[in-house]
Amino acid sequence: MKRVFNPPVVRKPFGAYNHGLLVPPGASLLVTSGQLGISPDDKIPPDVTRQADLCFQAIGAILEEAGMTYADVIRISGFVTSREDFPAYMVVRDRYTLDPKPVSTLIVVGGFTRAEFLVEVEVTAAKVF
């Protein structure tokens, strides 16, 4: 269904993602808002690993409500407040992504709406129904 593009003239991806994915015509697209590391009862864990897990759990619930799964995710954009959090974030991201791996961007930002937030994640998913 999705075609993967990792041309040999482009440096191999740094992690578990692809440089490009082509979605077939007629696919429905789902775009999520950025999800923060906060539980439904407003608790914010103090570490990036648990916050990232909450982000991906929220995204999973949105995907499920749309009739999709992580297999349908084609793009992930992750935002962290510290370069030191890259490895921990990527371990969590890689637990949730399925093949073919989505394209992925990870950016260090100066902060979020509240100082306690360490990570935010948004996705785009595509599925032919």
N, C-alpha and C. Protein backbone atom coordinates (compact mmCIF):
# COMPACT_ATOMS: atom_id res chain seq x y z
N MET A 1 0.83 -1.19 0.00
CA MET A 1 0.00 0.00 0.00
C MET A 1 0.88 1.26 0.00
N LYS A 2 1.70 1.46 1.01
CA LYS A 2 2.60 2.62 1.06
C LYS A 2 3.93 2.23 0.43
N ARG A 3 4.50 3.14 -0.35
CA ARG A 3 5.82 2.90 -0.92
C ARG A 3 6.86 3.67 -0.13
N VAL A 4 7.98 3.02 0.15
CA VAL A 4 9.07 3.60 0.94
C VAL A 4 10.13 4.16 0.00
N PHE A 5 10.69 5.32 0.37
CA PHE A 5 11.75 5.93 -0.42
C PHE A 5 12.93 6.29 0.47
N ASN A 6 14.05 5.63 0.23
CA ASN A 6 15.33 5.89 0.88
C ASN A 6 16.40 5.83 -0.22
N PRO A 7 16.48 6.87 -1.09
CA PRO A 7 17.40 6.82 -2.22
C PRO A 7 18.86 6.64 -1.77
N PRO A 8 19.63 5.87 -2.53
CA PRO A 8 21.03 5.63 -2.16
C PRO A 8 21.89 6.89 -2.17
N VAL A 9 21.43 7.96 -2.82
CA VAL A 9 22.20 9.21 -2.86
C VAL A 9 21.92 10.10 -1.65
N VAL A 10 21.03 9.65 -0.77
CA VAL A 10 20.71 10.37 0.47
C VAL A 10 21.24 9.54 1.63
N ARG A 11 21.83 10.21 2.63
CA ARG A 11 22.36 9.49 3.78
C ARG A 11 21.28 8.62 4.41
N LYS A 12 21.66 7.41 4.78
CA LYS A 12 20.76 6.48 5.44
C LYS A 12 20.12 7.15 6.67
N PRO A 13 18.82 6.87 6.97
CA PRO A 13 18.20 7.46 8.15
C PRO A 13 19.00 7.17 9.43
N PHE A 14 18.99 8.14 10.34
CA PHE A 14 19.71 8.00 11.61
C PHE A 14 19.07 6.98 12.54
N GLY A 15 17.79 6.70 12.35
CA GLY A 15 17.09 5.81 13.26
C GLY A 15 16.03 5.01 12.52
N ALA A 16 15.03 4.56 13.26
CA ALA A 16 13.97 3.72 12.72
C ALA A 16 12.88 4.57 12.08
N TYR A 17 13.21 5.12 10.92
CA TYR A 17 12.25 5.89 10.12
C TYR A 17 12.68 5.82 8.67
N ASN A 18 11.84 6.29 7.77
CA ASN A 18 12.15 6.35 6.35
C ASN A 18 12.20 7.79 5.91
N HIS A 19 12.93 8.06 4.83
CA HIS A 19 13.00 9.43 4.30
C HIS A 19 11.71 9.84 3.60
N GLY A 20 11.03 8.91 2.97
CA GLY A 20 9.80 9.25 2.27
C GLY A 20 8.84 8.08 2.22
N LEU A 21 7.55 8.40 2.23
CA LEU A 21 6.49 7.41 2.05
C LEU A 21 5.50 7.98 1.05
N LEU A 22 5.06 7.15 0.12
CA LEU A 22 4.05 7.55 -0.84
C LEU A 22 2.76 6.83 -0.48
N VAL A 23 1.70 7.60 -0.30
CA VAL A 23 0.40 7.07 0.07
C VAL A 23 -0.44 6.93 -1.20
N PRO A 24 -1.16 5.81 -1.35
CA PRO A 24 -1.93 5.62 -2.57
C PRO A 24 -3.11 6.59 -2.69
N PRO A 25 -3.56 6.85 -3.91
CA PRO A 25 -4.73 7.71 -4.09
C PRO A 25 -5.93 7.13 -3.35
N GLY A 26 -6.78 8.00 -2.86
CA GLY A 26 -8.00 7.58 -2.18
C GLY A 26 -7.83 7.31 -0.69
N ALA A 27 -6.63 7.46 -0.16
CA ALA A 27 -6.43 7.22 1.27
C ALA A 27 -7.03 8.37 2.07
N SER A 28 -7.63 8.03 3.19
CA SER A 28 -8.11 9.04 4.13
C SER A 28 -6.96 9.47 5.01
N LEU A 29 -6.86 10.77 5.27
CA LEU A 29 -5.80 11.30 6.11
C LEU A 29 -6.34 11.72 7.47
N LEU A 30 -5.59 11.43 8.50
CA LEU A 30 -5.88 11.88 9.86
C LEU A 30 -4.67 12.67 10.33
N VAL A 31 -4.89 13.88 10.79
CA VAL A 31 -3.82 14.72 11.32
C VAL A 31 -4.16 15.02 12.77
N THR A 32 -3.22 14.74 13.67
CA THR A 32 -3.49 15.00 15.08
C THR A 32 -2.87 16.33 15.52
N SER A 33 -3.42 16.89 16.53
CA SER A 33 -2.78 18.00 17.23
C SER A 33 -1.62 17.43 18.03
N GLY A 34 -0.73 18.29 18.44
CA GLY A 34 0.36 17.85 19.30
C GLY A 34 -0.19 17.35 20.63
N GLN A 35 0.28 16.18 21.05
CA GLN A 35 -0.14 15.58 22.31
C GLN A 35 0.98 15.75 23.32
N LEU A 36 0.62 16.19 24.50
CA LEU A 36 1.59 16.44 25.57
C LEU A 36 1.60 15.30 26.57
N GLY A 37 2.63 15.23 27.37
CA GLY A 37 2.81 14.17 28.36
C GLY A 37 2.01 14.43 29.62
N ILE A 38 0.69 14.40 29.48
CA ILE A 38 -0.20 14.65 30.62
C ILE A 38 -1.31 13.60 30.59
N SER A 39 -1.62 13.04 31.73
CA SER A 39 -2.65 12.00 31.82
C SER A 39 -4.03 12.64 31.86
N PRO A 40 -5.09 11.85 31.63
CA PRO A 40 -6.45 12.38 31.68
C PRO A 40 -6.80 13.03 33.03
N ASP A 41 -6.12 12.60 34.10
CA ASP A 41 -6.39 13.21 35.42
C ASP A 41 -5.39 14.33 35.73
N ASP A 42 -4.78 14.90 34.69
CA ASP A 42 -3.89 16.07 34.77
C ASP A 42 -2.57 15.82 35.48
N LYS A 43 -2.13 14.58 35.58
CA LYS A 43 -0.82 14.29 36.17
C LYS A 43 0.25 14.37 35.07
N ILE A 44 1.39 14.98 35.41
CA ILE A 44 2.49 15.13 34.47
C ILE A 44 3.72 14.43 35.07
N PRO A 45 4.14 13.32 34.47
CA PRO A 45 5.33 12.64 34.99
C PRO A 45 6.56 13.55 34.87
N PRO A 46 7.56 13.34 35.72
CA PRO A 46 8.73 14.22 35.71
C PRO A 46 9.78 13.89 34.66
N ASP A 47 9.62 12.76 33.94
CA ASP A 47 10.67 12.35 33.00
C ASP A 47 10.12 12.23 31.58
N VAL A 48 11.01 12.38 30.61
CA VAL A 48 10.62 12.38 29.20
C VAL A 48 10.09 11.02 28.76
N THR A 49 10.60 9.92 29.30
CA THR A 49 10.14 8.60 28.89
C THR A 49 8.66 8.42 29.19
N ARG A 50 8.27 8.71 30.40
CA ARG A 50 6.85 8.53 30.76
C ARG A 50 5.96 9.56 30.08
N GLN A 51 6.47 10.77 29.89
CA GLN A 51 5.69 11.76 29.17
C GLN A 51 5.49 11.34 27.71
N ALA A 52 6.55 10.85 27.07
CA ALA A 52 6.44 10.41 25.68
C ALA A 52 5.46 9.25 25.57
N ASP A 53 5.50 8.34 26.53
CA ASP A 53 4.56 7.23 26.52
C ASP A 53 3.12 7.73 26.58
N LEU A 54 2.85 8.74 27.41
CA LEU A 54 1.50 9.32 27.48
C LEU A 54 1.12 9.96 26.15
N CYS A 55 2.07 10.63 25.50
CA CYS A 55 1.80 11.23 24.19
C CYS A 55 1.36 10.15 23.20
N PHE A 56 2.12 9.06 23.14
CA PHE A 56 1.82 8.00 22.19
C PHE A 56 0.55 7.23 22.56
N GLN A 57 0.24 7.11 23.85
CA GLN A 57 -1.02 6.49 24.26
C GLN A 57 -2.20 7.34 23.78
N ALA A 58 -2.09 8.65 23.94
CA ALA A 58 -3.16 9.56 23.49
C ALA A 58 -3.34 9.45 21.97
N ILE A 59 -2.23 9.43 21.25
CA ILE A 59 -2.30 9.30 19.80
C ILE A 59 -2.94 7.97 19.42
N GLY A 60 -2.59 6.90 20.14
CA GLY A 60 -3.21 5.60 19.89
C GLY A 60 -4.71 5.64 20.05
N ALA A 61 -5.19 6.35 21.06
CA ALA A 61 -6.64 6.47 21.28
C ALA A 61 -7.30 7.25 20.14
N ILE A 62 -6.65 8.29 19.66
CA ILE A 62 -7.18 9.07 18.53
C ILE A 62 -7.22 8.19 17.28
N LEU A 63 -6.14 7.46 17.03
CA LEU A 63 -6.10 6.56 15.87
C LEU A 63 -7.23 5.54 15.95
N GLU A 64 -7.40 4.94 17.12
CA GLU A 64 -8.44 3.92 17.30
C GLU A 64 -9.82 4.49 17.02
N GLU A 65 -10.08 5.69 17.54
CA GLU A 65 -11.39 6.32 17.33
C GLU A 65 -11.64 6.60 15.84
N ALA A 66 -10.55 6.81 15.09
CA ALA A 66 -10.66 7.07 13.65
C ALA A 66 -10.65 5.78 12.83
N GLY A 67 -10.60 4.61 13.50
CA GLY A 67 -10.57 3.33 12.80
C GLY A 67 -9.19 3.01 12.23
N MET A 68 -8.15 3.56 12.86
CA MET A 68 -6.78 3.36 12.39
C MET A 68 -5.93 2.77 13.51
N THR A 69 -4.70 2.39 13.14
CA THR A 69 -3.73 1.89 14.11
C THR A 69 -2.39 2.57 13.83
N TYR A 70 -1.39 2.22 14.61
CA TYR A 70 -0.04 2.75 14.36
C TYR A 70 0.52 2.29 13.02
N ALA A 71 -0.03 1.22 12.45
CA ALA A 71 0.40 0.78 11.12
C ALA A 71 0.04 1.81 10.05
N ASP A 72 -0.91 2.68 10.35
CA ASP A 72 -1.36 3.69 9.39
C ASP A 72 -0.60 5.02 9.51
N VAL A 73 0.24 5.16 10.52
CA VAL A 73 0.97 6.42 10.72
C VAL A 73 2.03 6.56 9.64
N ILE A 74 2.02 7.74 8.98
CA ILE A 74 2.99 7.99 7.91
C ILE A 74 4.00 9.06 8.30
N ARG A 75 3.68 9.89 9.30
CA ARG A 75 4.59 10.95 9.72
C ARG A 75 4.47 11.19 11.21
N ILE A 76 5.62 11.33 11.87
CA ILE A 76 5.67 11.69 13.29
C ILE A 76 6.53 12.94 13.42
N SER A 77 6.01 13.92 14.14
CA SER A 77 6.81 15.09 14.50
C SER A 77 6.92 15.11 16.01
N GLY A 78 8.14 15.04 16.49
CA GLY A 78 8.40 15.06 17.92
C GLY A 78 9.16 16.32 18.31
N PHE A 79 8.85 16.84 19.47
CA PHE A 79 9.48 18.05 19.98
C PHE A 79 9.90 17.79 21.42
N VAL A 80 11.16 18.01 21.72
CA VAL A 80 11.68 17.83 23.08
C VAL A 80 12.38 19.12 23.51
N THR A 81 12.50 19.30 24.82
CA THR A 81 13.12 20.52 25.33
C THR A 81 14.61 20.38 25.59
N SER A 82 15.16 19.18 25.39
CA SER A 82 16.58 18.96 25.67
C SER A 82 17.17 17.92 24.72
N ARG A 83 18.35 18.21 24.20
CA ARG A 83 19.03 17.23 23.34
C ARG A 83 19.28 15.92 24.08
N GLU A 84 19.51 16.00 25.37
CA GLU A 84 19.77 14.80 26.17
C GLU A 84 18.56 13.85 26.18
N ASP A 85 17.38 14.36 25.84
CA ASP A 85 16.17 13.54 25.85
C ASP A 85 15.93 12.80 24.53
N PHE A 86 16.74 13.06 23.50
CA PHE A 86 16.57 12.39 22.21
C PHE A 86 16.52 10.87 22.35
N PRO A 87 17.55 10.24 22.97
CA PRO A 87 17.55 8.77 23.02
C PRO A 87 16.32 8.19 23.73
N ALA A 88 15.93 8.75 24.84
CA ALA A 88 14.77 8.24 25.58
C ALA A 88 13.50 8.38 24.75
N TYR A 89 13.33 9.54 24.11
CA TYR A 89 12.17 9.76 23.26
C TYR A 89 12.14 8.73 22.12
N MET A 90 13.29 8.52 21.48
CA MET A 90 13.34 7.62 20.33
C MET A 90 13.05 6.17 20.70
N VAL A 91 13.43 5.75 21.90
CA VAL A 91 13.10 4.40 22.36
C VAL A 91 11.58 4.25 22.46
N VAL A 92 10.92 5.24 23.01
CA VAL A 92 9.45 5.19 23.12
C VAL A 92 8.83 5.22 21.73
N ARG A 93 9.26 6.17 20.90
CA ARG A 93 8.73 6.27 19.52
C ARG A 93 8.85 4.93 18.80
N ASP A 94 10.01 4.31 18.90
CA ASP A 94 10.25 3.06 18.18
C ASP A 94 9.38 1.91 18.68
N ARG A 95 8.94 1.96 19.94
CA ARG A 95 8.03 0.92 20.46
C ARG A 95 6.67 1.00 19.79
N TYR A 96 6.26 2.19 19.38
CA TYR A 96 4.93 2.39 18.82
C TYR A 96 4.89 2.30 17.30
N THR A 97 5.98 2.55 16.62
CA THR A 97 5.95 2.56 15.16
C THR A 97 6.04 1.15 14.60
N LEU A 98 5.35 0.95 13.47
CA LEU A 98 5.31 -0.35 12.81
C LEU A 98 5.88 -0.18 11.39
N ASP A 99 6.11 -1.29 10.72
CA ASP A 99 6.63 -1.24 9.36
C ASP A 99 5.51 -1.04 8.35
N PRO A 100 5.74 -0.29 7.29
CA PRO A 100 6.96 0.46 7.06
C PRO A 100 7.05 1.63 8.03
N LYS A 101 8.24 1.89 8.51
CA LYS A 101 8.43 2.98 9.46
C LYS A 101 7.99 4.30 8.84
N PRO A 102 7.35 5.17 9.64
CA PRO A 102 6.94 6.47 9.11
C PRO A 102 8.14 7.38 8.91
N VAL A 103 7.90 8.50 8.24
CA VAL A 103 8.91 9.55 8.22
C VAL A 103 8.85 10.23 9.57
N SER A 104 9.94 10.85 9.98
CA SER A 104 10.00 11.39 11.34
C SER A 104 10.87 12.63 11.40
N THR A 105 10.42 13.59 12.19
CA THR A 105 11.20 14.79 12.47
C THR A 105 11.25 14.94 13.98
N LEU A 106 12.43 15.31 14.50
CA LEU A 106 12.60 15.53 15.93
C LEU A 106 13.30 16.87 16.11
N ILE A 107 12.69 17.76 16.87
CA ILE A 107 13.18 19.13 17.02
C ILE A 107 13.34 19.46 18.50
N VAL A 108 14.42 20.16 18.83
CA VAL A 108 14.60 20.69 20.18
C VAL A 108 13.95 22.07 20.22
N VAL A 109 13.09 22.27 21.20
CA VAL A 109 12.38 23.54 21.34
C VAL A 109 12.72 24.19 22.68
N GLY A 110 12.44 25.46 22.80
CA GLY A 110 12.75 26.20 24.02
C GLY A 110 11.80 25.90 25.16
N GLY A 111 10.64 25.33 24.87
CA GLY A 111 9.69 25.02 25.92
C GLY A 111 8.28 24.93 25.37
N PHE A 112 7.36 24.56 26.27
CA PHE A 112 5.96 24.43 25.92
C PHE A 112 5.14 25.37 26.80
N THR A 113 3.83 25.23 26.77
CA THR A 113 2.95 26.14 27.51
C THR A 113 3.15 26.08 29.01
N ARG A 114 3.64 24.95 29.50
CA ARG A 114 3.96 24.81 30.93
C ARG A 114 5.35 24.23 31.04
N ALA A 115 6.11 24.71 31.99
CA ALA A 115 7.51 24.30 32.14
C ALA A 115 7.67 22.80 32.41
N GLU A 116 6.64 22.15 32.96
CA GLU A 116 6.73 20.71 33.29
C GLU A 116 6.75 19.83 32.04
N PHE A 117 6.24 20.35 30.93
CA PHE A 117 6.18 19.54 29.71
C PHE A 117 7.55 19.43 29.08
N LEU A 118 7.96 18.19 28.77
CA LEU A 118 9.28 17.91 28.19
C LEU A 118 9.21 17.44 26.75
N VAL A 119 8.02 17.02 26.30
CA VAL A 119 7.88 16.43 24.96
C VAL A 119 6.46 16.66 24.44
N GLU A 120 6.37 16.82 23.12
CA GLU A 120 5.08 16.90 22.44
C GLU A 120 5.22 16.12 21.14
N VAL A 121 4.14 15.40 20.76
CA VAL A 121 4.19 14.55 19.57
C VAL A 121 2.91 14.74 18.77
N GLU A 122 3.06 14.85 17.44
CA GLU A 122 1.91 14.88 16.56
C GLU A 122 2.16 13.91 15.42
N VAL A 123 1.08 13.36 14.84
CA VAL A 123 1.24 12.41 13.75
C VAL A 123 0.27 12.72 12.61
N THR A 124 0.60 12.18 11.46
CA THR A 124 -0.30 12.11 10.31
C THR A 124 -0.43 10.64 9.97
N ALA A 125 -1.66 10.19 9.75
CA ALA A 125 -1.92 8.80 9.39
C ALA A 125 -2.74 8.76 8.11
N ALA A 126 -2.59 7.69 7.34
CA ALA A 126 -3.32 7.53 6.09
C ALA A 126 -3.79 6.07 5.96
N LYS A 127 -5.03 5.91 5.52
CA LYS A 127 -5.57 4.55 5.38
C LYS A 127 -6.60 4.55 4.26
N VAL A 128 -6.57 3.48 3.48
CA VAL A 128 -7.60 3.26 2.46
C VAL A 128 -8.68 2.40 3.13
N PHE A 129 -9.88 2.93 3.21
CA PHE A 129 -10.99 2.18 3.84
C PHE A 129 -11.76 1.40 2.81
